[in-house]
């Protein structure tokens, strides 16, 4: 009996919460990447808008083109990422009916 009880508690204490945290951390990590990417894109847009140095504008324009593609790719990954267990049953389940 003690063996089953120990297995049950280890499953509860180690297994279930760890999976939920891992999913949440993945979503949070993607959000952080998107925030940093958005900041870098804003800086490049400012450099382009000022237009003082043509070489800086060209470099910022190239970097912005790469950042736009990276932003789109990361947004697709975020949309396709599994939803954390904490978000399940948040009151919008009836929308899927």
PDB file of N, CA and C in Angstrom:
ATOM      1  N   UNK A   1       0.814  -1.192   0.000  1.00  0.00           N
ATOM      2  CA  UNK A   1       0.000   0.000   0.000  1.00  0.00           C
ATOM      3  C   UNK A   1       0.864   1.265   0.000  1.00  0.00           C
ATOM      4  N   UNK A   2       1.963   1.229   0.740  1.00  0.00           N
ATOM      5  CA  UNK A   2       2.819   2.394   0.809  1.00  0.00           C
ATOM      6  C   UNK A   2       3.465   2.669  -0.546  1.00  0.00           C
ATOM      7  N   UNK A   3       3.760   1.620  -1.298  1.00  0.00           N
ATOM      8  CA  UNK A   3       4.367   1.793  -2.617  1.00  0.00           C
ATOM      9  C   UNK A   3       3.445   2.542  -3.565  1.00  0.00           C
ATOM     10  N   UNK A   4       2.162   2.192  -3.568  1.00  0.00           N
ATOM     11  CA  UNK A   4       1.195   2.884  -4.416  1.00  0.00           C
ATOM     12  C   UNK A   4       1.034   4.339  -3.997  1.00  0.00           C
ATOM     13  N   UNK A   5       1.017   4.539  -2.686  1.00  0.00           N
ATOM     14  CA  UNK A   5       0.857   5.897  -2.168  1.00  0.00           C
ATOM     15  C   UNK A   5       2.060   6.766  -2.549  1.00  0.00           C
ATOM     16  N   UNK A   6       3.256   6.217  -2.450  1.00  0.00           N
ATOM     17  CA  UNK A   6       4.458   6.962  -2.817  1.00  0.00           C
ATOM     18  C   UNK A   6       4.462   7.271  -4.312  1.00  0.00           C
ATOM     19  N   UNK A   7       4.055   6.309  -5.121  1.00  0.00           N
ATOM     20  CA  UNK A   7       3.999   6.541  -6.572  1.00  0.00           C
ATOM     21  C   UNK A   7       2.962   7.611  -6.892  1.00  0.00           C
ATOM     22  N   UNK A   8       1.835   7.571  -6.225  1.00  0.00           N
ATOM     23  CA  UNK A   8       0.779   8.558  -6.451  1.00  0.00           C
ATOM     24  C   UNK A   8       1.258   9.966  -6.094  1.00  0.00           C
ATOM     25  N   UNK A   9       1.885  10.119  -4.947  1.00  0.00           N
ATOM     26  CA  UNK A   9       2.365  11.435  -4.532  1.00  0.00           C
ATOM     27  C   UNK A   9       3.491  11.947  -5.430  1.00  0.00           C
ATOM     28  N   UNK A  10       4.356  11.035  -5.852  1.00  0.00           N
ATOM     29  CA  UNK A  10       5.434  11.485  -6.745  1.00  0.00           C
ATOM     30  C   UNK A  10       4.862  11.939  -8.080  1.00  0.00           C
ATOM     31  N   UNK A  11       3.831  11.263  -8.569  1.00  0.00           N
ATOM     32  CA  UNK A  11       3.180  11.681  -9.804  1.00  0.00           C
ATOM     33  C   UNK A  11       2.541  13.058  -9.641  1.00  0.00           C
ATOM     34  N   UNK A  12       1.865  13.254  -8.553  1.00  0.00           N
ATOM     35  CA  UNK A  12       1.204  14.539  -8.318  1.00  0.00           C
ATOM     36  C   UNK A  12       2.218  15.659  -8.124  1.00  0.00           C
ATOM     37  N   UNK A  13       3.227  15.421  -7.305  1.00  0.00           N
ATOM     38  CA  UNK A  13       4.163  16.488  -6.961  1.00  0.00           C
ATOM     39  C   UNK A  13       5.173  16.779  -8.060  1.00  0.00           C
ATOM     40  N   UNK A  14       5.539  15.791  -8.845  1.00  0.00           N
ATOM     41  CA  UNK A  14       6.584  15.988  -9.838  1.00  0.00           C
ATOM     42  C   UNK A  14       6.077  16.025 -11.267  1.00  0.00           C
ATOM     43  N   UNK A  15       5.141  15.189 -11.588  1.00  0.00           N
ATOM     44  CA  UNK A  15       4.741  15.036 -12.981  1.00  0.00           C
ATOM     45  C   UNK A  15       3.817  16.094 -13.512  1.00  0.00           C
ATOM     46  N   UNK A  16       2.713  16.304 -12.901  1.00  0.00           N
ATOM     47  CA  UNK A  16       1.680  17.181 -13.448  1.00  0.00           C
ATOM     48  C   UNK A  16       2.082  18.651 -13.418  1.00  0.00           C
ATOM     49  N   UNK A  17       2.529  19.211 -12.304  1.00  0.00           N
ATOM     50  CA  UNK A  17       2.892  20.629 -12.319  1.00  0.00           C
ATOM     51  C   UNK A  17       4.084  20.939 -13.221  1.00  0.00           C
ATOM     52  N   UNK A  18       5.024  20.024 -13.323  1.00  0.00           N
ATOM     53  CA  UNK A  18       6.204  20.278 -14.159  1.00  0.00           C
ATOM     54  C   UNK A  18       5.808  20.437 -15.618  1.00  0.00           C
ATOM     55  N   UNK A  19       4.877  19.646 -16.088  1.00  0.00           N
ATOM     56  CA  UNK A  19       4.443  19.760 -17.482  1.00  0.00           C
ATOM     57  C   UNK A  19       3.753  21.097 -17.714  1.00  0.00           C
ATOM     58  N   UNK A  20       2.936  21.545 -16.797  1.00  0.00           N
ATOM     59  CA  UNK A  20       2.267  22.827 -16.942  1.00  0.00           C
ATOM     60  C   UNK A  20       3.244  23.988 -16.949  1.00  0.00           C
ATOM     61  N   UNK A  21       4.245  23.922 -16.103  1.00  0.00           N
ATOM     62  CA  UNK A  21       5.249  24.976 -16.072  1.00  0.00           C
ATOM     63  C   UNK A  21       6.063  24.994 -17.355  1.00  0.00           C
ATOM     64  N   UNK A  22       6.370  23.828 -17.900  1.00  0.00           N
ATOM     65  CA  UNK A  22       7.160  23.770 -19.131  1.00  0.00           C
ATOM     66  C   UNK A  22       6.397  24.429 -20.281  1.00  0.00           C
ATOM     67  N   UNK A  23       5.106  24.168 -20.391  1.00  0.00           N
ATOM     68  CA  UNK A  23       4.317  24.788 -21.448  1.00  0.00           C
ATOM     69  C   UNK A  23       4.238  26.293 -21.243  1.00  0.00           C
ATOM     70  N   UNK A  24       4.041  26.724 -20.018  1.00  0.00           N
ATOM     71  CA  UNK A  24       3.954  28.149 -19.738  1.00  0.00           C
ATOM     72  C   UNK A  24       5.276  28.831 -20.049  1.00  0.00           C
ATOM     73  N   UNK A  25       6.365  28.195 -19.683  1.00  0.00           N
ATOM     74  CA  UNK A  25       7.672  28.775 -19.955  1.00  0.00           C
ATOM     75  C   UNK A  25       7.915  28.896 -21.455  1.00  0.00           C
ATOM     76  N   UNK A  26       7.434  27.937 -22.240  1.00  0.00           N
ATOM     77  CA  UNK A  26       7.602  28.018 -23.685  1.00  0.00           C
ATOM     78  C   UNK A  26       6.847  29.219 -24.240  1.00  0.00           C
ATOM     79  N   UNK A  27       5.635  29.418 -23.805  1.00  0.00           N
ATOM     80  CA  UNK A  27       4.862  30.566 -24.273  1.00  0.00           C
ATOM     81  C   UNK A  27       5.501  31.875 -23.823  1.00  0.00           C
ATOM     82  N   UNK A  28       5.955  31.900 -22.588  1.00  0.00           N
ATOM     83  CA  UNK A  28       6.588  33.110 -22.077  1.00  0.00           C
ATOM     84  C   UNK A  28       7.883  33.406 -22.824  1.00  0.00           C
ATOM     85  N   UNK A  29       8.625  32.370 -23.158  1.00  0.00           N
ATOM     86  CA  UNK A  29       9.863  32.561 -23.908  1.00  0.00           C
ATOM     87  C   UNK A  29       9.577  33.129 -25.295  1.00  0.00           C
ATOM     88  N   UNK A  30       8.570  32.601 -25.960  1.00  0.00           N
ATOM     89  CA  UNK A  30       8.203  33.114 -27.282  1.00  0.00           C
ATOM     90  C   UNK A  30       7.763  34.568 -27.177  1.00  0.00           C
ATOM     91  N   UNK A  31       7.015  34.907 -26.139  1.00  0.00           N
ATOM     92  CA  UNK A  31       6.600  36.302 -25.949  1.00  0.00           C
ATOM     93  C   UNK A  31       7.801  37.227 -25.728  1.00  0.00           C
ATOM     94  N   UNK A  32       8.781  36.759 -24.974  1.00  0.00           N
ATOM     95  CA  UNK A  32       9.977  37.561 -24.752  1.00  0.00           C
ATOM     96  C   UNK A  32      10.750  37.768 -26.045  1.00  0.00           C
ATOM     97  N   UNK A  33      10.842  36.719 -26.859  1.00  0.00           N
ATOM     98  CA  UNK A  33      11.522  36.835 -28.149  1.00  0.00           C
ATOM     99  C   UNK A  33      10.800  37.856 -29.023  1.00  0.00           C
ATOM    100  N   UNK A  34       9.485  37.786 -29.060  1.00  0.00           N
ATOM    101  CA  UNK A  34       8.715  38.732 -29.867  1.00  0.00           C
ATOM    102  C   UNK A  34       8.889  40.165 -29.366  1.00  0.00           C
ATOM    103  N   UNK A  35       8.939  40.362 -28.053  1.00  0.00           N
ATOM    104  CA  UNK A  35       9.134  41.707 -27.506  1.00  0.00           C
ATOM    105  C   UNK A  35      10.503  42.268 -27.879  1.00  0.00           C
ATOM    106  N   UNK A  36      11.529  41.460 -27.753  1.00  0.00           N
ATOM    107  CA  UNK A  36      12.872  41.930 -28.115  1.00  0.00           C
ATOM    108  C   UNK A  36      12.978  42.201 -29.600  1.00  0.00           C
ATOM    109  N   UNK A  37      12.373  41.342 -30.385  1.00  0.00           N
ATOM    110  CA  UNK A  37      12.392  41.534 -31.830  1.00  0.00           C
ATOM    111  C   UNK A  37      11.646  42.805 -32.209  1.00  0.00           C
ATOM    112  N   UNK A  38      10.517  43.051 -31.567  1.00  0.00           N
ATOM    113  CA  UNK A  38       9.759  44.273 -31.827  1.00  0.00           C
ATOM    114  C   UNK A  38      10.545  45.525 -31.466  1.00  0.00           C
ATOM    115  N   UNK A  39      11.291  45.467 -30.370  1.00  0.00           N
ATOM    116  CA  UNK A  39      12.127  46.613 -29.987  1.00  0.00           C
ATOM    117  C   UNK A  39      13.212  46.875 -31.022  1.00  0.00           C
ATOM    118  N   UNK A  40      13.867  45.813 -31.481  1.00  0.00           N
ATOM    119  CA  UNK A  40      14.918  45.966 -32.493  1.00  0.00           C
ATOM    120  C   UNK A  40      14.341  46.499 -33.802  1.00  0.00           C
ATOM    121  N   UNK A  41      13.134  46.049 -34.144  1.00  0.00           N
ATOM    122  CA  UNK A  41      12.484  46.533 -35.360  1.00  0.00           C
ATOM    123  C   UNK A  41      12.159  48.023 -35.243  1.00  0.00           C
ATOM    124  N   UNK A  42      11.722  48.451 -34.077  1.00  0.00           N
ATOM    125  CA  UNK A  42      11.406  49.869 -33.870  1.00  0.00           C
ATOM    126  C   UNK A  42      12.648  50.746 -34.016  1.00  0.00           C
ATOM    127  N   UNK A  43      13.763  50.258 -33.503  1.00  0.00           N
ATOM    128  CA  UNK A  43      15.018  51.014 -33.638  1.00  0.00           C
ATOM    129  C   UNK A  43      15.401  51.136 -35.105  1.00  0.00           C
ATOM    130  N   UNK A  44      15.288  50.040 -35.850  1.00  0.00           N
ATOM    131  CA  UNK A  44      15.628  50.095 -37.278  1.00  0.00           C
ATOM    132  C   UNK A  44      14.679  51.003 -38.054  1.00  0.00           C
ATOM    133  N   UNK A  45      13.406  51.006 -37.686  1.00  0.00           N
ATOM    134  CA  UNK A  45      12.461  51.913 -38.350  1.00  0.00           C
ATOM    135  C   UNK A  45      12.817  53.371 -38.078  1.00  0.00           C
ATOM    136  N   UNK A  46      13.280  53.654 -36.867  1.00  0.00           N
ATOM    137  CA  UNK A  46      13.690  55.010 -36.522  1.00  0.00           C
ATOM    138  C   UNK A  46      14.912  55.432 -37.335  1.00  0.00           C
ATOM    139  N   UNK A  47      15.862  54.531 -37.471  1.00  0.00           N
ATOM    140  CA  UNK A  47      17.055  54.833 -38.273  1.00  0.00           C
ATOM    141  C   UNK A  47      16.668  55.113 -39.719  1.00  0.00           C
ATOM    142  N   UNK A  48      15.754  54.318 -40.246  1.00  0.00           N
ATOM    143  CA  UNK A  48      15.309  54.510 -41.624  1.00  0.00           C
ATOM    144  C   UNK A  48      14.556  55.837 -41.763  1.00  0.00           C
ATOM    145  N   UNK A  49      13.706  56.143 -40.780  1.00  0.00           N
ATOM    146  CA  UNK A  49      12.913  57.379 -40.852  1.00  0.00           C
ATOM    147  C   UNK A  49      13.789  58.628 -40.768  1.00  0.00           C
ATOM    148  N   UNK A  50      14.835  58.575 -39.974  1.00  0.00           N
ATOM    149  CA  UNK A  50      15.719  59.737 -39.866  1.00  0.00           C
ATOM    150  C   UNK A  50      16.471  59.957 -41.171  1.00  0.00           C
ATOM    151  N   UNK A  51      16.968  58.882 -41.775  1.00  0.00           N
ATOM    152  CA  UNK A  51      17.603  58.953 -43.078  1.00  0.00           C
ATOM    153  C   UNK A  51      18.840  59.826 -43.168  1.00  0.00           C
ATOM    154  N   UNK A  52      19.586  59.998 -42.094  1.00  0.00           N
ATOM    155  CA  UNK A  52      20.762  60.871 -42.105  1.00  0.00           C
ATOM    156  C   UNK A  52      21.955  60.228 -42.810  1.00  0.00           C
ATOM    157  N   UNK A  53      22.206  58.963 -42.519  1.00  0.00           N
ATOM    158  CA  UNK A  53      23.368  58.267 -43.073  1.00  0.00           C
ATOM    159  C   UNK A  53      22.864  57.166 -44.003  1.00  0.00           C
ATOM    160  N   UNK A  54      23.209  57.259 -45.289  1.00  0.00           N
ATOM    161  CA  UNK A  54      22.677  56.302 -46.267  1.00  0.00           C
ATOM    162  C   UNK A  54      23.174  54.881 -46.011  1.00  0.00           C
ATOM    163  N   UNK A  55      24.393  54.718 -45.503  1.00  0.00           N
ATOM    164  CA  UNK A  55      24.870  53.360 -45.216  1.00  0.00           C
ATOM    165  C   UNK A  55      24.147  52.776 -44.009  1.00  0.00           C
ATOM    166  N   UNK A  56      23.874  53.606 -43.003  1.00  0.00           N
ATOM    167  CA  UNK A  56      23.117  53.136 -41.831  1.00  0.00           C
ATOM    168  C   UNK A  56      21.686  52.801 -42.219  1.00  0.00           C
ATOM    169  N   UNK A  57      21.102  53.586 -43.100  1.00  0.00           N
ATOM    170  CA  UNK A  57      19.736  53.324 -43.566  1.00  0.00           C
ATOM    171  C   UNK A  57      19.679  52.013 -44.331  1.00  0.00           C
ATOM    172  N   UNK A  58      20.668  51.778 -45.187  1.00  0.00           N
ATOM    173  CA  UNK A  58      20.701  50.528 -45.954  1.00  0.00           C
ATOM    174  C   UNK A  58      20.866  49.324 -45.030  1.00  0.00           C
ATOM    175  N   UNK A  59      21.752  49.445 -44.040  1.00  0.00           N
ATOM    176  CA  UNK A  59      21.954  48.348 -43.086  1.00  0.00           C
ATOM    177  C   UNK A  59      20.697  48.107 -42.256  1.00  0.00           C
ATOM    178  N   UNK A  60      20.050  49.189 -41.831  1.00  0.00           N
ATOM    179  CA  UNK A  60      18.825  49.063 -41.036  1.00  0.00           C
ATOM    180  C   UNK A  60      17.697  48.467 -41.869  1.00  0.00           C
ATOM    181  N   UNK A  61      17.658  48.826 -43.141  1.00  0.00           N
ATOM    182  CA  UNK A  61      16.625  48.288 -44.021  1.00  0.00           C
ATOM    183  C   UNK A  61      16.806  46.784 -44.231  1.00  0.00           C
ATOM    184  N   UNK A  62      18.053  46.361 -44.426  1.00  0.00           N
ATOM    185  CA  UNK A  62      18.323  44.926 -44.568  1.00  0.00           C
ATOM    186  C   UNK A  62      17.985  44.171 -43.288  1.00  0.00           C
ATOM    187  N   UNK A  63      18.392  44.744 -42.154  1.00  0.00           N
ATOM    188  CA  UNK A  63      18.102  44.102 -40.866  1.00  0.00           C
ATOM    189  C   UNK A  63      16.600  44.034 -40.620  1.00  0.00           C
ATOM    190  N   UNK A  64      15.879  45.090 -40.992  1.00  0.00           N
ATOM    191  CA  UNK A  64      14.433  45.117 -40.786  1.00  0.00           C
ATOM    192  C   UNK A  64      13.733  44.065 -41.645  1.00  0.00           C
ATOM    193  N   UNK A  65      14.211  43.859 -42.854  1.00  0.00           N
ATOM    194  CA  UNK A  65      13.619  42.828 -43.714  1.00  0.00           C
ATOM    195  C   UNK A  65      13.787  41.445 -43.087  1.00  0.00           C
ATOM    196  N   UNK A  66      14.968  41.163 -42.543  1.00  0.00           N
ATOM    197  CA  UNK A  66      15.202  39.881 -41.871  1.00  0.00           C
ATOM    198  C   UNK A  66      14.361  39.769 -40.600  1.00  0.00           C
ATOM    199  N   UNK A  67      14.247  40.861 -39.867  1.00  0.00           N
ATOM    200  CA  UNK A  67      13.471  40.847 -38.632  1.00  0.00           C
ATOM    201  C   UNK A  67      11.989  40.649 -38.912  1.00  0.00           C
ATOM    202  N   UNK A  68      11.482  41.214 -39.994  1.00  0.00           N
ATOM    203  CA  UNK A  68      10.077  41.009 -40.356  1.00  0.00           C
ATOM    204  C   UNK A  68       9.797  39.539 -40.620  1.00  0.00           C
ATOM    205  N   UNK A  69      10.691  38.879 -41.345  1.00  0.00           N
ATOM    206  CA  UNK A  69      10.509  37.453 -41.622  1.00  0.00           C
ATOM    207  C   UNK A  69      10.597  36.637 -40.332  1.00  0.00           C
ATOM    208  N   UNK A  70      11.539  36.974 -39.494  1.00  0.00           N
ATOM    209  CA  UNK A  70      11.688  36.277 -38.220  1.00  0.00           C
ATOM    210  C   UNK A  70      10.465  36.495 -37.332  1.00  0.00           C
ATOM    211  N   UNK A  71       9.923  37.700 -37.345  1.00  0.00           N
ATOM    212  CA  UNK A  71       8.725  38.011 -36.562  1.00  0.00           C
ATOM    213  C   UNK A  71       7.542  37.167 -37.039  1.00  0.00           C
ATOM    214  N   UNK A  72       7.365  37.099 -38.359  1.00  0.00           N
ATOM    215  CA  UNK A  72       6.256  36.286 -38.906  1.00  0.00           C
ATOM    216  C   UNK A  72       6.416  34.821 -38.529  1.00  0.00           C
ATOM    217  N   UNK A  73       7.644  34.307 -38.632  1.00  0.00           N
ATOM    218  CA  UNK A  73       7.911  32.906 -38.312  1.00  0.00           C
ATOM    219  C   UNK A  73       7.640  32.633 -36.834  1.00  0.00           C
ATOM    220  N   UNK A  74       8.073  33.536 -35.962  1.00  0.00           N
ATOM    221  CA  UNK A  74       7.872  33.354 -34.532  1.00  0.00           C
ATOM    222  C   UNK A  74       6.397  33.455 -34.165  1.00  0.00           C
ATOM    223  N   UNK A  75       5.664  34.344 -34.818  1.00  0.00           N
ATOM    224  CA  UNK A  75       4.223  34.446 -34.567  1.00  0.00           C
ATOM    225  C   UNK A  75       3.505  33.157 -34.969  1.00  0.00           C
ATOM    226  N   UNK A  76       3.927  32.549 -36.081  1.00  0.00           N
ATOM    227  CA  UNK A  76       3.336  31.261 -36.489  1.00  0.00           C
ATOM    228  C   UNK A  76       3.643  30.188 -35.456  1.00  0.00           C
ATOM    229  N   UNK A  77       4.874  30.180 -34.935  1.00  0.00           N
ATOM    230  CA  UNK A  77       5.230  29.208 -33.901  1.00  0.00           C
ATOM    231  C   UNK A  77       4.389  29.422 -32.653  1.00  0.00           C
ATOM    232  N   UNK A  78       4.159  30.655 -32.298  1.00  0.00           N
ATOM    233  CA  UNK A  78       3.355  30.972 -31.116  1.00  0.00           C
ATOM    234  C   UNK A  78       1.914  30.511 -31.307  1.00  0.00           C
ATOM    235  N   UNK A  79       1.394  30.698 -32.513  1.00  0.00           N
ATOM    236  CA  UNK A  79       0.015  30.289 -32.784  1.00  0.00           C
ATOM    237  C   UNK A  79      -0.128  28.770 -32.773  1.00  0.00           C
ATOM    238  N   UNK A  80       0.917  28.067 -33.185  1.00  0.00           N
ATOM    239  CA  UNK A  80       0.863  26.607 -33.251  1.00  0.00           C
ATOM    240  C   UNK A  80       1.336  25.933 -31.970  1.00  0.00           C
ATOM    241  N   UNK A  81       1.827  26.704 -31.014  1.00  0.00           N
ATOM    242  CA  UNK A  81       2.313  26.129 -29.756  1.00  0.00           C
ATOM    243  C   UNK A  81       1.138  25.578 -28.962  1.00  0.00           C
ATOM    244  N   UNK A  82       1.370  24.485 -28.245  1.00  0.00           N
ATOM    245  CA  UNK A  82       0.281  23.946 -27.415  1.00  0.00           C
ATOM    246  C   UNK A  82      -0.073  24.927 -26.314  1.00  0.00           C
ATOM    247  N   UNK A  83      -1.355  25.022 -26.052  1.00  0.00           N
ATOM    248  CA  UNK A  83      -1.828  25.932 -25.019  1.00  0.00           C
ATOM    249  C   UNK A  83      -1.518  25.345 -23.645  1.00  0.00           C
ATOM    250  N   UNK A  84      -1.116  26.174 -22.692  1.00  0.00           N
ATOM    251  CA  UNK A  84      -0.842  25.679 -21.346  1.00  0.00           C
ATOM    252  C   UNK A  84      -2.112  25.138 -20.702  1.00  0.00           C
ATOM    253  N   UNK A  85      -1.924  24.189 -19.822  1.00  0.00           N
ATOM    254  CA  UNK A  85      -3.066  23.593 -19.125  1.00  0.00           C
ATOM    255  C   UNK A  85      -3.810  24.629 -18.309  1.00  0.00           C
ATOM    256  N   UNK A  86      -3.125  25.659 -17.855  1.00  0.00           N
ATOM    257  CA  UNK A  86      -3.760  26.699 -17.042  1.00  0.00           C
ATOM    258  C   UNK A  86      -4.807  27.461 -17.837  1.00  0.00           C
ATOM    259  N   UNK A  87      -4.675  27.498 -19.159  1.00  0.00           N
ATOM    260  CA  UNK A  87      -5.623  28.239 -19.981  1.00  0.00           C
ATOM    261  C   UNK A  87      -6.828  27.384 -20.376  1.00  0.00           C
ATOM    262  N   UNK A  88      -6.740  26.072 -20.166  1.00  0.00           N
ATOM    263  CA  UNK A  88      -7.850  25.199 -20.528  1.00  0.00           C
ATOM    264  C   UNK A  88      -9.039  25.493 -19.622  1.00  0.00           C
ATOM    265  N   UNK A  89     -10.209  25.536 -20.205  1.00  0.00           N
ATOM    266  CA  UNK A  89     -11.415  25.760 -19.431  1.00  0.00           C
ATOM    267  C   UNK A  89     -11.537  27.168 -18.880  1.00  0.00           C
ATOM    268  N   UNK A  90     -11.068  28.157 -19.635  1.00  0.00           N
ATOM    269  CA  UNK A  90     -11.104  29.527 -19.136  1.00  0.00           C
ATOM    270  C   UNK A  90     -12.401  30.243 -19.485  1.00  0.00           C
ATOM    271  N   UNK A  91     -13.448  29.459 -19.774  1.00  0.00           N
ATOM    272  CA  UNK A  91     -14.739  30.073 -20.030  1.00  0.00           C
ATOM    273  C   UNK A  91     -15.059  30.253 -21.504  1.00  0.00           C
ATOM    274  N   UNK A  92     -14.121  29.931 -22.381  1.00  0.00           N
ATOM    275  CA  UNK A  92     -14.384  30.086 -23.808  1.00  0.00           C
ATOM    276  C   UNK A  92     -14.611  28.751 -24.492  1.00  0.00           C
ATOM    277  N   UNK A  93     -14.778  27.687 -23.712  1.00  0.00           N
ATOM    278  CA  UNK A  93     -14.977  26.362 -24.285  1.00  0.00           C
ATOM    279  C   UNK A  93     -16.265  26.292 -25.105  1.00  0.00           C
ATOM    280  N   UNK A  94     -17.254  27.064 -24.745  1.00  0.00           N
ATOM    281  CA  UNK A  94     -18.523  27.016 -25.450  1.00  0.00           C
ATOM    282  C   UNK A  94     -18.399  27.560 -26.871  1.00  0.00           C
ATOM    283  N   UNK A  95     -17.325  28.330 -27.164  1.00  0.00           N
ATOM    284  CA  UNK A  95     -17.150  28.873 -28.504  1.00  0.00           C
ATOM    285  C   UNK A  95     -16.855  27.787 -29.541  1.00  0.00           C
ATOM    286  N   UNK A  96     -16.276  26.684 -29.082  1.00  0.00           N
ATOM    287  CA  UNK A  96     -15.900  25.603 -29.996  1.00  0.00           C
ATOM    288  C   UNK A  96     -17.085  24.741 -30.396  1.00  0.00           C
ATOM    289  N   UNK A  97     -18.216  24.920 -29.773  1.00  0.00           N
ATOM    290  CA  UNK A  97     -19.383  24.071 -30.048  1.00  0.00           C
ATOM    291  C   UNK A  97     -20.008  24.434 -31.357  1.00  0.00           C
TER     292      UNK A  97
END
